[in-house]
Structures are given as structure tokens and as C-alpha cells.
Protein backbone atom coordinates (compact mmCIF):
# COMPACT_ATOMS: atom_id res chain seq x y z
CA UNK A 1 0.00 0.00 0.00
CA UNK A 2 2.95 2.31 0.51
CA UNK A 3 3.69 2.37 -3.21
CA UNK A 4 0.03 3.16 -3.92
CA UNK A 5 0.24 6.06 -1.52
CA UNK A 6 3.29 7.35 -3.34
CA UNK A 7 1.51 7.13 -6.65
CA UNK A 8 -1.37 9.40 -5.69
CA UNK A 9 -0.83 11.30 -2.45
CA UNK A 10 2.80 12.25 -2.98
CA UNK A 11 1.96 13.51 -6.46
CA UNK A 12 -0.72 15.90 -5.23
CA UNK A 13 -3.78 13.68 -5.61
CA UNK A 14 -5.20 13.33 -2.10
CA UNK A 15 -7.87 10.67 -2.50
CA UNK A 16 -10.15 9.47 0.26
CA UNK A 17 -9.96 5.77 1.01
CA UNK A 18 -13.22 4.15 2.14
CA UNK A 19 -13.11 1.01 4.25
CA UNK A 20 -16.14 -1.00 5.32
CA UNK A 21 -15.95 -2.22 8.91
CA UNK A 22 -17.76 -5.34 10.04
CA UNK A 23 -19.31 -5.56 13.49
CA UNK A 24 -16.43 -7.78 14.53
CA UNK A 25 -13.86 -5.17 13.47
CA UNK A 26 -15.79 -2.29 15.02
CA UNK A 27 -15.96 -4.09 18.36
CA UNK A 28 -12.29 -5.14 18.36
CA UNK A 29 -10.62 -3.36 21.30
CA UNK A 30 -7.39 -3.04 19.26
CA UNK A 31 -9.02 -1.38 16.23
CA UNK A 32 -8.14 2.23 17.10
CA UNK A 33 -4.54 1.31 17.88
CA UNK A 34 -4.19 -0.69 14.67
CA UNK A 35 -5.68 2.09 12.54
CA UNK A 36 -3.43 4.65 14.21
CA UNK A 37 -0.35 2.51 13.62
CA UNK A 38 -1.23 1.99 9.95
CA UNK A 39 -1.84 5.69 9.37
CA UNK A 40 1.58 6.50 10.82
CA UNK A 41 3.32 3.67 8.98
CA UNK A 42 1.82 4.72 5.64
CA UNK A 43 2.11 8.45 6.43
CA UNK A 44 -1.54 8.74 5.48
CA UNK A 45 -3.49 11.70 6.89
CA UNK A 46 -6.43 10.50 8.96
CA UNK A 47 -8.66 12.93 7.09
CA UNK A 48 -8.25 10.79 3.96
CA UNK A 49 -9.61 7.68 5.63
CA UNK A 50 -13.37 7.14 5.67
CA UNK A 51 -14.71 4.24 7.71
CA UNK A 52 -18.14 2.92 6.84
CA UNK A 53 -20.24 0.91 9.27
CA UNK A 54 -23.72 -0.52 9.06
CA UNK A 55 -26.43 -0.03 11.63
CA UNK A 56 -26.17 -3.76 12.35
CA UNK A 57 -22.52 -3.34 13.33
CA UNK A 58 -23.36 -0.52 15.71
CA UNK A 59 -26.35 -2.31 17.23
CA UNK A 60 -24.25 -5.37 18.12
CA UNK A 61 -22.89 -3.35 21.06
CA UNK A 62 -23.97 0.32 20.84
CA UNK A 63 -21.92 1.52 23.80
CA UNK A 64 -18.63 0.02 22.62
CA UNK A 65 -19.34 1.01 19.01
CA UNK A 66 -19.95 4.63 20.01
CA UNK A 67 -16.77 4.71 22.09
CA UNK A 68 -14.72 3.28 19.21
CA UNK A 69 -16.28 5.60 16.61
CA UNK A 70 -15.70 8.60 18.85
CA UNK A 71 -12.03 7.70 19.31
CA UNK A 72 -11.62 7.26 15.54
CA UNK A 73 -13.35 10.58 14.90
CA UNK A 74 -11.00 12.28 17.36
CA UNK A 75 -8.11 11.06 15.18
CA UNK A 76 -9.65 12.97 12.27
CA UNK A 77 -11.16 9.97 10.52
CA UNK A 78 -14.44 10.53 8.74
CA UNK A 79 -17.32 8.20 9.31
């Protein structure tokens, strides 16, 4: 993915990347840490990452989902 980043972001083409999250991913306690690590590793601005979740994923555990989504939003990630 690093070479892909170089091909578009480094050449002045900031493109948003959309990622669908399953309920399992959304409720993973390590998700925020893993996303943060990947953003740093790839030198990708958080503002270019858009995470998409379904209502079903949120309803699996609304409290944990809201906490996770809030933490991701605080990083600058769109939802």
C-alpha cells in the first residue's frame, strides 16, 4: 500500500480511502490502535480515511461502538 500512496498522495492527488468495517472489526478493542499505527506507517493523513459501518454493526454493542467511533473521529477519521 505504501507504493500506492506514493503514486497518488505524494503527487498531489489526495484521494479518500473508504473502508467497510464489520461488526467484529468495530468491536475489536485493538481497532483504534491498529488504525493509528497503519496511518503512521503509511504516512496517510487520517482525514483521507473514511470508515463505513452498518447499523447492524453498531447495534451489536452500541456503547462500545460509540466509544470506538468517537475515538476514531477524534483522530480525524471521517465516518
